[in-house]
Amino acid sequence: MKEWLREYFGEILCDLFFYPFHALYTAGLYDRIAPQDSYKSPVDIASVIEGAFGSSVASAGYNAQFFYPAEGLNVLAQRMAEKCDIRYGKCATRIDPHCRVVSFEDGSSVPYQQLICTLPLNKVMEMCEFAADCPPDPYSSVLVLNVGATRGPLCPDDHWLYFPDSSSGFHRVGFYSAVDARFLPISSRYSQDRVSIYVERGFRGGAQPSACDTRAYAALVVRELRDLGYIMEAEVVHPTWIDVAYTWSWPRSRWRELSLRKLSDHRIFQVGRYGRWVFQGIADSIRDGFILGGSLRSYA
């Protein structure tokens, strides 16, 4: 990835942003993993030259347009759930691919004929006690710090910002309340005197910090957000650990291909961003789920 960044963006931009940002974003893996997601940053030389001289150029990239369900993603998920038989609070711990049984943390189990699975590919391989004939691809974890605060004088209206050089180590700050005012308390939706924020920091896969280290980090983040002028007083600060947050691949790796084939041979069909170990948005994951579900329903 590091070599691809240099070829794509040049040394100056890489030194200023792409190298330090990707060092944080990938938790230090960017100089060893394969490049991915090139479609995110389409580069047209003519447009670059126009932009450099102040001309107006058309937006490009996968975020040029932003769509959000009118009533929120939670309502969309709830309405899909109404048509399903969902057992909440169940943690799958083991999959027996030969007897076709899923076992759960509470001691219960469920048989299956075929299984649509959205769990991360590496976790499913472990649960099935399968191994591909090559090293597994790497991933990075993310500590998401959710902050509810009084709005600072320099708080931006952007949906998110990337940081290559934060003093506390985060690589992204996002603003829930810039996406939708319903991320604010009802009393603040008109006055906009508060802001809801998420702050992301990458870690090498599974290297979760201790509770004590997390509290110390949270204090540093709040101080940095205050120094940036994004917030004044932090009223709520809550950490969330995402174990498999960003998936990567080693150069020339066949682990993903071999793992998916091994699982599908046992009627376990991986779907979604983490299940298939690819970057894709929520809409693509929902689409893939409907397509695979419909195919299996026809098969049954």
Protein backbone atom coordinates (compact mmCIF):
# COMPACT_ATOMS: atom_id res chain seq x y z
CA MET A 1 0.00 0.00 0.00
CA LYS A 2 2.80 2.45 0.80
CA GLU A 3 4.34 2.00 -2.64
CA TRP A 4 0.92 2.35 -4.30
CA LEU A 5 0.27 5.60 -2.40
CA ARG A 6 3.58 7.05 -3.59
CA GLU A 7 2.89 6.13 -7.21
CA TYR A 8 -0.66 7.44 -7.03
CA PHE A 9 -0.25 10.68 -5.07
CA GLY A 10 3.49 11.52 -5.13
CA GLU A 11 6.04 12.03 -2.38
CA ILE A 12 4.92 15.49 -1.23
CA LEU A 13 1.28 14.58 -0.60
CA CYS A 14 2.36 11.29 0.93
CA ASP A 15 4.74 12.98 3.36
CA LEU A 16 2.15 15.61 4.28
CA PHE A 17 -0.87 13.33 4.67
CA PHE A 18 -1.09 9.84 3.18
CA TYR A 19 1.85 8.22 5.00
CA PRO A 20 1.10 9.50 8.52
CA PHE A 21 -2.65 9.02 8.11
CA HIS A 22 -2.38 5.45 6.84
CA ALA A 23 0.12 4.60 9.57
CA LEU A 24 -2.66 5.44 12.06
CA TYR A 25 -5.55 4.10 9.97
CA THR A 26 -3.97 0.66 9.41
CA ALA A 27 -2.31 0.50 12.86
CA GLY A 28 1.12 0.42 11.21
CA LEU A 29 0.36 -2.18 8.54
CA TYR A 30 0.35 0.11 5.50
CA ASP A 31 3.92 -0.66 4.41
CA ARG A 32 3.24 -4.44 4.27
CA ILE A 33 -0.36 -4.96 3.15
CA ALA A 34 -1.71 -4.93 -0.38
CA PRO A 35 -3.35 -1.72 -1.65
CA GLN A 36 -7.12 -1.74 -1.70
CA ASP A 37 -10.14 0.47 -2.40
CA SER A 38 -8.51 2.47 -5.20
CA TYR A 39 -12.00 3.37 -6.43
CA LYS A 40 -12.34 5.69 -3.42
CA SER A 41 -9.83 8.16 -4.85
CA PRO A 42 -10.25 8.53 -8.62
CA VAL A 43 -7.53 10.79 -10.03
CA ASP A 44 -8.01 12.62 -13.31
CA ILE A 45 -4.93 14.69 -14.16
CA ALA A 46 -6.89 17.30 -16.16
CA SER A 47 -9.25 17.85 -13.21
CA VAL A 48 -6.30 18.09 -10.80
CA ILE A 49 -4.70 20.83 -12.92
CA GLU A 50 -8.00 22.72 -13.15
CA GLY A 51 -8.47 22.53 -9.41
CA ALA A 52 -4.90 23.66 -8.73
CA PHE A 53 -5.59 26.88 -10.65
CA GLY A 54 -8.81 27.59 -8.83
CA SER A 55 -11.30 26.26 -11.36
CA SER A 56 -14.45 24.55 -10.19
CA VAL A 57 -14.35 20.80 -10.85
CA ALA A 58 -16.99 18.15 -10.35
CA SER A 59 -16.93 16.09 -7.17
CA ALA A 60 -15.54 12.57 -7.52
CA GLY A 61 -15.17 9.47 -5.39
CA TYR A 62 -17.47 7.14 -3.50
CA ASN A 63 -18.61 9.92 -1.13
CA ALA A 64 -19.58 12.46 -3.78
CA GLN A 65 -23.21 11.72 -2.91
CA PHE A 66 -24.53 10.77 0.51
CA PHE A 67 -27.78 8.93 1.16
CA TYR A 68 -29.37 8.38 4.55
CA PRO A 69 -32.72 6.67 5.24
CA ALA A 70 -35.41 9.27 5.96
CA GLU A 71 -36.23 7.74 9.36
CA GLY A 72 -32.73 6.54 10.19
CA LEU A 73 -30.78 3.31 9.74
CA ASN A 74 -32.24 1.88 12.95
CA VAL A 75 -35.81 2.13 11.58
CA LEU A 76 -34.72 0.47 8.32
CA ALA A 77 -33.19 -2.41 10.28
CA GLN A 78 -36.21 -2.71 12.58
CA ARG A 79 -38.61 -2.97 9.63
CA MET A 80 -36.54 -5.72 8.05
CA ALA A 81 -36.40 -7.46 11.44
CA GLU A 82 -40.22 -7.45 11.68
CA LYS A 83 -40.30 -9.96 8.83
CA CYS A 84 -37.81 -12.30 10.49
CA ASP A 85 -37.54 -14.68 13.42
CA ILE A 86 -34.70 -13.07 15.35
CA ARG A 87 -33.28 -14.43 18.63
CA TYR A 88 -31.59 -11.54 20.39
CA GLY A 89 -28.85 -11.89 23.00
CA LYS A 90 -27.40 -15.05 21.44
CA CYS A 91 -23.63 -15.33 21.08
CA ALA A 92 -22.46 -18.03 18.67
CA THR A 93 -19.35 -19.81 19.93
CA ARG A 94 -18.90 -22.81 17.62
CA ILE A 95 -20.03 -24.07 14.24
CA ASP A 96 -19.92 -27.79 13.51
CA PRO A 97 -19.70 -27.80 9.69
CA HIS A 98 -20.02 -31.58 9.45
CA CYS A 99 -23.15 -32.04 11.61
CA ARG A 100 -24.36 -28.54 10.57
CA VAL A 101 -25.02 -27.22 14.07
CA VAL A 102 -24.41 -23.76 15.55
CA SER A 103 -23.67 -23.72 19.31
CA PHE A 104 -24.24 -20.71 21.54
CA GLU A 105 -22.70 -19.31 24.70
CA ASP A 106 -25.81 -20.15 26.76
CA GLY A 107 -25.43 -23.86 25.99
CA SER A 108 -28.16 -24.03 23.34
CA SER A 109 -27.65 -25.09 19.74
CA VAL A 110 -29.51 -24.87 16.41
CA PRO A 111 -29.22 -27.17 13.38
CA TYR A 112 -29.08 -25.73 9.86
CA GLN A 113 -29.30 -26.86 6.27
CA GLN A 114 -27.42 -23.88 4.92
CA LEU A 115 -26.09 -20.89 6.82
CA ILE A 116 -25.89 -17.23 5.81
CA CYS A 117 -23.18 -15.77 8.01
CA THR A 118 -22.16 -12.13 8.50
CA LEU A 119 -19.55 -12.80 11.19
CA PRO A 120 -15.97 -11.83 10.25
CA LEU A 121 -14.37 -14.43 7.99
CA ASN A 122 -11.44 -15.08 10.34
CA LYS A 123 -13.78 -15.69 13.29
CA VAL A 124 -15.94 -18.12 11.33
CA MET A 125 -12.89 -20.10 10.23
CA GLU A 126 -11.86 -20.38 13.87
CA MET A 127 -15.38 -21.39 14.97
CA CYS A 128 -15.41 -24.15 12.34
CA GLU A 129 -11.85 -25.18 13.23
CA PHE A 130 -10.88 -24.70 9.60
CA ALA A 131 -7.57 -23.43 8.26
CA ALA A 132 -6.59 -22.31 4.78
CA ASP A 133 -3.26 -23.42 3.33
CA CYS A 134 -1.76 -19.96 3.84
CA PRO A 135 -1.40 -17.34 6.61
CA PRO A 136 -4.66 -15.51 7.45
CA ASP A 137 -4.98 -11.95 6.24
CA PRO A 138 -4.56 -9.20 8.84
CA TYR A 139 -7.09 -6.81 10.29
CA SER A 140 -7.10 -3.79 12.55
CA SER A 141 -9.33 -3.05 15.52
CA VAL A 142 -10.81 0.33 16.36
CA LEU A 143 -11.60 2.01 19.64
CA VAL A 144 -14.53 4.34 19.00
CA LEU A 145 -14.94 7.08 21.58
CA ASN A 146 -18.45 8.56 21.53
CA VAL A 147 -18.65 12.07 22.92
CA GLY A 148 -21.67 14.22 23.71
CA ALA A 149 -20.64 17.80 24.45
CA THR A 150 -21.53 21.45 24.32
CA ARG A 151 -20.59 22.77 20.92
CA GLY A 152 -17.30 24.65 20.59
CA PRO A 153 -16.78 27.86 18.57
CA LEU A 154 -14.76 26.11 15.84
CA CYS A 155 -16.84 22.95 15.50
CA PRO A 156 -17.10 22.14 11.76
CA ASP A 157 -20.23 21.13 9.87
CA ASP A 158 -18.47 18.24 8.09
CA HIS A 159 -19.65 14.64 8.45
CA TRP A 160 -16.10 13.58 9.32
CA LEU A 161 -12.47 14.70 9.15
CA TYR A 162 -9.28 12.65 8.75
CA PHE A 163 -6.29 13.42 11.00
CA PRO A 164 -2.70 12.47 10.12
CA ASP A 165 -1.13 14.02 13.20
CA SER A 166 -3.44 14.06 16.23
CA SER A 167 -1.57 14.28 19.51
CA SER A 168 -3.71 11.59 21.17
CA GLY A 169 -3.44 9.09 18.29
CA PHE A 170 -6.87 9.10 16.61
CA HIS A 171 -7.18 9.10 12.83
CA ARG A 172 -10.78 10.27 12.35
CA VAL A 173 -13.34 12.51 14.01
CA GLY A 174 -16.95 12.22 12.84
CA PHE A 175 -19.99 14.29 13.69
CA TYR A 176 -23.21 12.31 14.14
CA SER A 177 -25.21 15.49 14.61
CA ALA A 178 -24.00 16.87 11.25
CA VAL A 179 -25.65 13.87 9.57
CA ASP A 180 -28.94 14.18 11.44
CA ALA A 181 -30.14 16.47 14.26
CA ARG A 182 -31.80 13.47 15.91
CA PHE A 183 -28.37 12.52 17.21
CA LEU A 184 -28.81 15.44 19.64
CA PRO A 185 -31.05 15.74 22.69
CA ILE A 186 -34.48 17.12 21.78
CA SER A 187 -33.74 20.30 23.76
CA SER A 188 -30.69 21.04 21.56
CA ARG A 189 -31.97 20.20 18.09
CA TYR A 190 -33.15 23.73 17.33
CA SER A 191 -30.42 25.70 19.11
CA GLN A 192 -27.60 23.37 17.95
CA ASP A 193 -25.73 24.23 21.15
CA ARG A 194 -24.50 20.65 21.50
CA VAL A 195 -22.65 18.19 19.28
CA SER A 196 -22.40 14.40 19.14
CA ILE A 197 -19.05 13.08 17.98
CA TYR A 198 -17.26 9.80 17.36
CA VAL A 199 -13.48 9.53 17.48
CA GLU A 200 -11.67 6.52 15.93
CA ARG A 201 -8.26 5.14 16.85
CA GLY A 202 -6.79 2.07 15.17
CA PHE A 203 -5.03 -0.81 16.90
CA ARG A 204 -3.29 -3.92 15.59
CA GLY A 205 -5.90 -6.67 15.32
CA GLY A 206 -7.18 -7.70 18.76
CA ALA A 207 -4.74 -5.53 20.77
CA GLN A 208 -7.43 -4.06 23.03
CA PRO A 209 -6.18 -1.49 25.55
CA SER A 210 -6.93 -1.96 29.24
CA ALA A 211 -9.76 -0.11 30.96
CA CYS A 212 -7.19 2.13 32.65
CA ASP A 213 -5.46 2.96 29.34
CA THR A 214 -8.83 3.62 27.71
CA ARG A 215 -9.79 6.12 30.41
CA ALA A 216 -6.44 7.90 30.05
CA TYR A 217 -6.83 8.02 26.27
CA ALA A 218 -10.39 9.36 26.59
CA ALA A 219 -9.14 12.23 28.76
CA LEU A 220 -6.50 13.11 26.15
CA VAL A 221 -9.09 13.06 23.34
CA VAL A 222 -11.48 15.34 25.23
CA ARG A 223 -8.62 17.77 25.88
CA GLU A 224 -7.59 17.72 22.21
CA LEU A 225 -11.16 18.27 20.98
CA ARG A 226 -11.43 21.19 23.36
CA ASP A 227 -8.10 22.62 22.15
CA LEU A 228 -9.34 22.30 18.54
CA GLY A 229 -12.40 24.32 19.48
CA TYR A 230 -14.78 21.48 18.53
CA ILE A 231 -16.26 21.14 22.02
CA MET A 232 -16.44 23.06 25.26
CA GLU A 233 -17.67 20.72 28.01
CA ALA A 234 -17.82 16.95 27.48
CA GLU A 235 -21.05 15.74 29.06
CA VAL A 236 -20.96 12.09 27.95
CA VAL A 237 -17.87 10.05 27.01
CA HIS A 238 -18.33 6.36 26.15
CA PRO A 239 -15.84 3.92 24.52
CA THR A 240 -16.82 1.08 22.17
CA TRP A 241 -14.35 -1.58 21.06
CA ILE A 242 -14.72 -2.99 17.53
CA ASP A 243 -12.49 -6.04 17.29
CA VAL A 244 -12.61 -6.58 13.51
CA ALA A 245 -13.03 -3.07 12.15
CA TYR A 246 -10.89 -2.85 9.00
CA THR A 247 -9.92 -5.88 6.94
CA TRP A 248 -6.72 -6.06 4.88
CA SER A 249 -4.87 -8.60 2.77
CA TRP A 250 -1.26 -9.58 2.33
CA PRO A 251 0.17 -9.11 -1.17
CA ARG A 252 -0.76 -12.05 -3.43
CA SER A 253 -2.69 -13.69 -0.60
CA ARG A 254 -5.23 -16.40 -1.44
CA TRP A 255 -6.50 -16.75 2.16
CA ARG A 256 -9.83 -15.01 1.51
CA GLU A 257 -10.53 -17.02 -1.66
CA LEU A 258 -9.60 -20.35 -0.05
CA SER A 259 -11.54 -19.61 3.14
CA LEU A 260 -14.74 -18.63 1.34
CA ARG A 261 -14.52 -21.75 -0.85
CA LYS A 262 -13.94 -23.99 2.18
CA LEU A 263 -16.98 -22.58 3.96
CA SER A 264 -19.26 -22.68 0.92
CA ASP A 265 -18.33 -26.33 0.38
CA HIS A 266 -19.97 -26.91 3.78
CA ARG A 267 -23.05 -24.78 2.96
CA ILE A 268 -21.82 -21.77 4.96
CA PHE A 269 -22.22 -18.65 2.85
CA GLN A 270 -20.42 -15.51 3.97
CA VAL A 271 -22.06 -12.17 3.21
CA GLY A 272 -21.40 -8.53 4.01
CA ARG A 273 -18.33 -6.42 4.55
CA TYR A 274 -16.74 -8.57 7.24
CA GLY A 275 -18.15 -11.89 6.17
CA ARG A 276 -16.54 -11.59 2.73
CA TRP A 277 -13.50 -9.63 3.99
CA VAL A 278 -13.98 -6.73 1.55
CA PHE A 279 -14.67 -3.06 1.97
CA GLN A 280 -18.21 -2.11 1.06
CA GLY A 281 -20.93 0.18 2.33
CA ILE A 282 -24.09 -0.66 4.24
CA ALA A 283 -26.29 -0.50 1.14
CA ASP A 284 -24.11 -3.07 -0.65
CA SER A 285 -24.21 -5.39 2.36
CA ILE A 286 -28.01 -5.20 2.55
CA ARG A 287 -28.27 -5.87 -1.18
CA ASP A 288 -25.95 -8.88 -0.94
CA GLY A 289 -28.00 -10.27 1.93
CA PHE A 290 -31.24 -10.03 -0.04
CA ILE A 291 -29.68 -11.61 -3.13
CA LEU A 292 -28.13 -14.52 -1.24
CA GLY A 293 -31.22 -15.02 0.92
CA GLY A 294 -33.46 -15.09 -2.13
CA SER A 295 -31.16 -17.55 -3.90
CA LEU A 296 -31.12 -19.95 -0.96
CA ARG A 297 -34.87 -19.68 -0.53
CA SER A 298 -35.31 -20.74 -4.16
CA TYR A 299 -32.80 -23.55 -3.64
CA ALA A 300 -34.68 -24.83 -0.55
